[in-house]
Amino acid sequence: MRERIVRAVAGLMITVSVLLAVFVSEYWLILTAFVGLNLLQSSFTRFCPLELILEKSGVEK
């Protein structure tokens, strides 16, 4: 369950930041890059801050 939530939040963050970049300011693409880099590093290190938060919140694995 946590993995699905992490993917959903990442997808939502990327979509929202791209829309904000198109309609507000191109600097919102920094958020897109941050989310993408975090996904990349988590694939190597298996560490994801959101998973930690969800675990402490009591969301089932």
PDB file of N, CA and C in Angstrom:
ATOM      1  N   MET A   1       0.816  -1.194   0.000  1.00  0.00           N
ATOM      2  CA  MET A   1       0.000   0.000   0.000  1.00  0.00           C
ATOM      3  C   MET A   1       0.868   1.270   0.000  1.00  0.00           C
ATOM      4  N   ARG A   2       1.939   1.239   0.837  1.00  0.00           N
ATOM      5  CA  ARG A   2       2.811   2.420   0.893  1.00  0.00           C
ATOM      6  C   ARG A   2       3.448   2.730  -0.451  1.00  0.00           C
ATOM      7  N   GLU A   3       3.861   1.683  -1.155  1.00  0.00           N
ATOM      8  CA  GLU A   3       4.512   1.896  -2.453  1.00  0.00           C
ATOM      9  C   GLU A   3       3.567   2.565  -3.449  1.00  0.00           C
ATOM     10  N   ARG A   4       2.304   2.167  -3.414  1.00  0.00           N
ATOM     11  CA  ARG A   4       1.313   2.785  -4.303  1.00  0.00           C
ATOM     12  C   ARG A   4       1.105   4.247  -3.951  1.00  0.00           C
ATOM     13  N   ILE A   5       1.085   4.544  -2.656  1.00  0.00           N
ATOM     14  CA  ILE A   5       0.917   5.934  -2.224  1.00  0.00           C
ATOM     15  C   ILE A   5       2.116   6.771  -2.656  1.00  0.00           C
ATOM     16  N   VAL A   6       3.322   6.226  -2.498  1.00  0.00           N
ATOM     17  CA  VAL A   6       4.535   6.945  -2.900  1.00  0.00           C
ATOM     18  C   VAL A   6       4.489   7.247  -4.396  1.00  0.00           C
ATOM     19  N   ARG A   7       4.119   6.274  -5.185  1.00  0.00           N
ATOM     20  CA  ARG A   7       4.036   6.490  -6.641  1.00  0.00           C
ATOM     21  C   ARG A   7       2.968   7.516  -6.996  1.00  0.00           C
ATOM     22  N   ALA A   8       1.831   7.452  -6.324  1.00  0.00           N
ATOM     23  CA  ALA A   8       0.743   8.399  -6.592  1.00  0.00           C
ATOM     24  C   ALA A   8       1.159   9.822  -6.228  1.00  0.00           C
ATOM     25  N   VAL A   9       1.802   9.982  -5.076  1.00  0.00           N
ATOM     26  CA  VAL A   9       2.237  11.315  -4.653  1.00  0.00           C
ATOM     27  C   VAL A   9       3.309  11.847  -5.598  1.00  0.00           C
ATOM     28  N   ALA A  10       4.247  11.003  -5.990  1.00  0.00           N
ATOM     29  CA  ALA A  10       5.296  11.435  -6.924  1.00  0.00           C
ATOM     30  C   ALA A  10       4.683  11.865  -8.257  1.00  0.00           C
ATOM     31  N   GLY A  11       3.770  11.079  -8.763  1.00  0.00           N
ATOM     32  CA  GLY A  11       3.104  11.433 -10.021  1.00  0.00           C
ATOM     33  C   GLY A  11       2.318  12.722  -9.913  1.00  0.00           C
ATOM     34  N   LEU A  12       1.632  12.895  -8.798  1.00  0.00           N
ATOM     35  CA  LEU A  12       0.865  14.119  -8.580  1.00  0.00           C
ATOM     36  C   LEU A  12       1.778  15.334  -8.485  1.00  0.00           C
ATOM     37  N   MET A  13       2.883  15.195  -7.746  1.00  0.00           N
ATOM     38  CA  MET A  13       3.822  16.305  -7.599  1.00  0.00           C
ATOM     39  C   MET A  13       4.424  16.715  -8.944  1.00  0.00           C
ATOM     40  N   ILE A  14       4.779  15.744  -9.747  1.00  0.00           N
ATOM     41  CA  ILE A  14       5.355  16.043 -11.057  1.00  0.00           C
ATOM     42  C   ILE A  14       4.321  16.724 -11.953  1.00  0.00           C
ATOM     43  N   THR A  15       3.111  16.193 -11.971  1.00  0.00           N
ATOM     44  CA  THR A  15       2.052  16.784 -12.800  1.00  0.00           C
ATOM     45  C   THR A  15       1.739  18.211 -12.372  1.00  0.00           C
ATOM     46  N   VAL A  16       1.594  18.426 -11.077  1.00  0.00           N
ATOM     47  CA  VAL A  16       1.288  19.767 -10.573  1.00  0.00           C
ATOM     48  C   VAL A  16       2.431  20.732 -10.867  1.00  0.00           C
ATOM     49  N   SER A  17       3.668  20.294 -10.670  1.00  0.00           N
ATOM     50  CA  SER A  17       4.790  21.206 -10.909  1.00  0.00           C
ATOM     51  C   SER A  17       4.937  21.554 -12.395  1.00  0.00           C
ATOM     52  N   VAL A  18       4.649  20.609 -13.279  1.00  0.00           N
ATOM     53  CA  VAL A  18       4.697  20.919 -14.714  1.00  0.00           C
ATOM     54  C   VAL A  18       3.595  21.914 -15.084  1.00  0.00           C
ATOM     55  N   LEU A  19       2.401  21.704 -14.546  1.00  0.00           N
ATOM     56  CA  LEU A  19       1.313  22.656 -14.802  1.00  0.00           C
ATOM     57  C   LEU A  19       1.647  24.044 -14.253  1.00  0.00           C
ATOM     58  N   LEU A  20       2.229  24.096 -13.069  1.00  0.00           N
ATOM     59  CA  LEU A  20       2.639  25.384 -12.505  1.00  0.00           C
ATOM     60  C   LEU A  20       3.739  26.019 -13.340  1.00  0.00           C
ATOM     61  N   ALA A  21       4.626  25.214 -13.892  1.00  0.00           N
ATOM     62  CA  ALA A  21       5.690  25.746 -14.750  1.00  0.00           C
ATOM     63  C   ALA A  21       5.108  26.346 -16.023  1.00  0.00           C
ATOM     64  N   VAL A  22       4.075  25.719 -16.547  1.00  0.00           N
ATOM     65  CA  VAL A  22       3.459  26.221 -17.778  1.00  0.00           C
ATOM     66  C   VAL A  22       2.664  27.497 -17.514  1.00  0.00           C
ATOM     67  N   PHE A  23       1.903  27.516 -16.415  1.00  0.00           N
ATOM     68  CA  PHE A  23       0.979  28.620 -16.185  1.00  0.00           C
ATOM     69  C   PHE A  23       1.467  29.701 -15.220  1.00  0.00           C
ATOM     70  N   VAL A  24       2.499  29.422 -14.419  1.00  0.00           N
ATOM     71  CA  VAL A  24       2.930  30.394 -13.422  1.00  0.00           C
ATOM     72  C   VAL A  24       4.371  30.833 -13.671  1.00  0.00           C
ATOM     73  N   SER A  25       5.307  29.901 -13.480  1.00  0.00           N
ATOM     74  CA  SER A  25       6.719  30.247 -13.627  1.00  0.00           C
ATOM     75  C   SER A  25       7.513  28.985 -13.948  1.00  0.00           C
ATOM     76  N   GLU A  26       8.488  29.125 -14.813  1.00  0.00           N
ATOM     77  CA  GLU A  26       9.307  27.973 -15.188  1.00  0.00           C
ATOM     78  C   GLU A  26      10.162  27.455 -14.033  1.00  0.00           C
ATOM     79  N   TYR A  27      10.301  28.238 -12.979  1.00  0.00           N
ATOM     80  CA  TYR A  27      11.074  27.803 -11.818  1.00  0.00           C
ATOM     81  C   TYR A  27      10.429  26.621 -11.085  1.00  0.00           C
ATOM     82  N   TRP A  28       9.160  26.355 -11.344  1.00  0.00           N
ATOM     83  CA  TRP A  28       8.499  25.191 -10.755  1.00  0.00           C
ATOM     84  C   TRP A  28       9.090  23.890 -11.273  1.00  0.00           C
ATOM     85  N   LEU A  29       9.838  23.948 -12.363  1.00  0.00           N
ATOM     86  CA  LEU A  29      10.486  22.741 -12.876  1.00  0.00           C
ATOM     87  C   LEU A  29      11.572  22.237 -11.933  1.00  0.00           C
ATOM     88  N   ILE A  30      12.017  23.105 -11.024  1.00  0.00           N
ATOM     89  CA  ILE A  30      12.972  22.666 -10.005  1.00  0.00           C
ATOM     90  C   ILE A  30      12.334  21.589  -9.137  1.00  0.00           C
ATOM     91  N   LEU A  31      11.059  21.747  -8.814  1.00  0.00           N
ATOM     92  CA  LEU A  31      10.346  20.730  -8.034  1.00  0.00           C
ATOM     93  C   LEU A  31      10.266  19.419  -8.811  1.00  0.00           C
ATOM     94  N   THR A  32      10.005  19.503 -10.102  1.00  0.00           N
ATOM     95  CA  THR A  32       9.973  18.300 -10.939  1.00  0.00           C
ATOM     96  C   THR A  32      11.317  17.584 -10.900  1.00  0.00           C
ATOM     97  N   ALA A  33      12.401  18.345 -11.024  1.00  0.00           N
ATOM     98  CA  ALA A  33      13.732  17.756 -10.985  1.00  0.00           C
ATOM     99  C   ALA A  33      14.011  17.133  -9.620  1.00  0.00           C
ATOM    100  N   PHE A  34      13.601  17.799  -8.550  1.00  0.00           N
ATOM    101  CA  PHE A  34      13.817  17.270  -7.204  1.00  0.00           C
ATOM    102  C   PHE A  34      13.091  15.938  -7.017  1.00  0.00           C
ATOM    103  N   VAL A  35      11.838  15.871  -7.442  1.00  0.00           N
ATOM    104  CA  VAL A  35      11.066  14.625  -7.309  1.00  0.00           C
ATOM    105  C   VAL A  35      11.712  13.525  -8.147  1.00  0.00           C
ATOM    106  N   GLY A  36      12.115  13.843  -9.363  1.00  0.00           N
ATOM    107  CA  GLY A  36      12.755  12.856 -10.228  1.00  0.00           C
ATOM    108  C   GLY A  36      14.070  12.344  -9.653  1.00  0.00           C
ATOM    109  N   LEU A  37      14.879  13.255  -9.130  1.00  0.00           N
ATOM    110  CA  LEU A  37      16.153  12.838  -8.521  1.00  0.00           C
ATOM    111  C   LEU A  37      15.924  12.009  -7.262  1.00  0.00           C
ATOM    112  N   ASN A  38      14.902  12.348  -6.496  1.00  0.00           N
ATOM    113  CA  ASN A  38      14.597  11.569  -5.307  1.00  0.00           C
ATOM    114  C   ASN A  38      14.149  10.159  -5.688  1.00  0.00           C
ATOM    115  N   LEU A  39      13.354  10.037  -6.739  1.00  0.00           N
ATOM    116  CA  LEU A  39      12.938   8.710  -7.210  1.00  0.00           C
ATOM    117  C   LEU A  39      14.153   7.909  -7.685  1.00  0.00           C
ATOM    118  N   LEU A  40      15.059   8.574  -8.373  1.00  0.00           N
ATOM    119  CA  LEU A  40      16.260   7.906  -8.861  1.00  0.00           C
ATOM    120  C   LEU A  40      17.134   7.422  -7.706  1.00  0.00           C
ATOM    121  N   GLN A  41      17.401   8.287  -6.738  1.00  0.00           N
ATOM    122  CA  GLN A  41      18.251   7.878  -5.620  1.00  0.00           C
ATOM    123  C   GLN A  41      17.584   6.793  -4.790  1.00  0.00           C
ATOM    124  N   SER A  42      16.261   6.832  -4.665  1.00  0.00           N
ATOM    125  CA  SER A  42      15.586   5.796  -3.873  1.00  0.00           C
ATOM    126  C   SER A  42      15.641   4.437  -4.559  1.00  0.00           C
ATOM    127  N   SER A  43      15.778   4.427  -5.873  1.00  0.00           N
ATOM    128  CA  SER A  43      15.898   3.144  -6.573  1.00  0.00           C
ATOM    129  C   SER A  43      17.238   2.473  -6.270  1.00  0.00           C
ATOM    130  N   PHE A  44      18.253   3.269  -5.950  1.00  0.00           N
ATOM    131  CA  PHE A  44      19.559   2.716  -5.612  1.00  0.00           C
ATOM    132  C   PHE A  44      19.711   2.449  -4.116  1.00  0.00           C
ATOM    133  N   THR A  45      19.231   3.391  -3.295  1.00  0.00           N
ATOM    134  CA  THR A  45      19.461   3.297  -1.859  1.00  0.00           C
ATOM    135  C   THR A  45      18.316   2.649  -1.096  1.00  0.00           C
ATOM    136  N   ARG A  46      17.171   2.527  -1.742  1.00  0.00           N
ATOM    137  CA  ARG A  46      15.953   2.006  -1.105  1.00  0.00           C
ATOM    138  C   ARG A  46      15.527   2.862   0.079  1.00  0.00           C
ATOM    139  N   PHE A  47      15.892   4.148   0.082  1.00  0.00           N
ATOM    140  CA  PHE A  47      15.479   5.091   1.111  1.00  0.00           C
ATOM    141  C   PHE A  47      14.576   6.140   0.491  1.00  0.00           C
ATOM    142  N   CYS A  48      13.380   6.259   1.043  1.00  0.00           N
ATOM    143  CA  CYS A  48      12.430   7.254   0.561  1.00  0.00           C
ATOM    144  C   CYS A  48      11.826   7.956   1.776  1.00  0.00           C
ATOM    145  N   PRO A  49      12.005   9.265   1.884  1.00  0.00           N
ATOM    146  CA  PRO A  49      11.468   9.989   3.034  1.00  0.00           C
ATOM    147  C   PRO A  49       9.956   9.824   3.204  1.00  0.00           C
ATOM    148  N   LEU A  50       9.218   9.805   2.111  1.00  0.00           N
ATOM    149  CA  LEU A  50       7.766   9.652   2.213  1.00  0.00           C
ATOM    150  C   LEU A  50       7.396   8.289   2.784  1.00  0.00           C
ATOM    151  N   GLU A  51       8.112   7.255   2.421  1.00  0.00           N
ATOM    152  CA  GLU A  51       7.842   5.928   2.993  1.00  0.00           C
ATOM    153  C   GLU A  51       8.056   5.935   4.492  1.00  0.00           C
ATOM    154  N   LEU A  52       9.084   6.632   4.938  1.00  0.00           N
ATOM    155  CA  LEU A  52       9.357   6.758   6.371  1.00  0.00           C
ATOM    156  C   LEU A  52       8.193   7.449   7.077  1.00  0.00           C
ATOM    157  N   ILE A  53       7.701   8.523   6.485  1.00  0.00           N
ATOM    158  CA  ILE A  53       6.567   9.263   7.056  1.00  0.00           C
ATOM    159  C   ILE A  53       5.327   8.382   7.102  1.00  0.00           C
ATOM    160  N   LEU A  54       5.069   7.654   6.015  1.00  0.00           N
ATOM    161  CA  LEU A  54       3.892   6.788   5.979  1.00  0.00           C
ATOM    162  C   LEU A  54       4.008   5.660   7.000  1.00  0.00           C
ATOM    163  N   GLU A  55       5.203   5.130   7.174  1.00  0.00           N
ATOM    164  CA  GLU A  55       5.425   4.060   8.145  1.00  0.00           C
ATOM    165  C   GLU A  55       5.136   4.559   9.561  1.00  0.00           C
ATOM    166  N   LYS A  56       5.627   5.745   9.880  1.00  0.00           N
ATOM    167  CA  LYS A  56       5.404   6.306  11.213  1.00  0.00           C
ATOM    168  C   LYS A  56       3.948   6.723  11.417  1.00  0.00           C
ATOM    169  N   SER A  57       3.233   6.954  10.310  1.00  0.00           N
ATOM    170  CA  SER A  57       1.818   7.320  10.388  1.00  0.00           C
ATOM    171  C   SER A  57       0.928   6.084  10.554  1.00  0.00           C
ATOM    172  N   GLY A  58       1.531   4.920  10.403  1.00  0.00           N
ATOM    173  CA  GLY A  58       0.774   3.690  10.594  1.00  0.00           C
ATOM    174  C   GLY A  58       0.149   3.114   9.338  1.00  0.00           C
ATOM    175  N   VAL A  59       0.574   3.590   8.170  1.00  0.00           N
ATOM    176  CA  VAL A  59       0.050   3.042   6.910  1.00  0.00           C
ATOM    177  C   VAL A  59       0.657   1.667   6.694  1.00  0.00           C
ATOM    178  N   GLU A  60      -0.190   0.701   6.369  1.00  0.00           N
ATOM    179  CA  GLU A  60       0.278  -0.666   6.174  1.00  0.00           C
ATOM    180  C   GLU A  60       1.170  -0.786   4.948  1.00  0.00           C
ATOM    181  N   LYS A  61       2.082  -1.741   5.021  1.00  0.00           N
ATOM    182  CA  LYS A  61       3.002  -1.993   3.903  1.00  0.00           C
ATOM    183  C   LYS A  61       2.276  -2.734   2.859  1.00  0.00           C
TER     184      LYS A  61
END
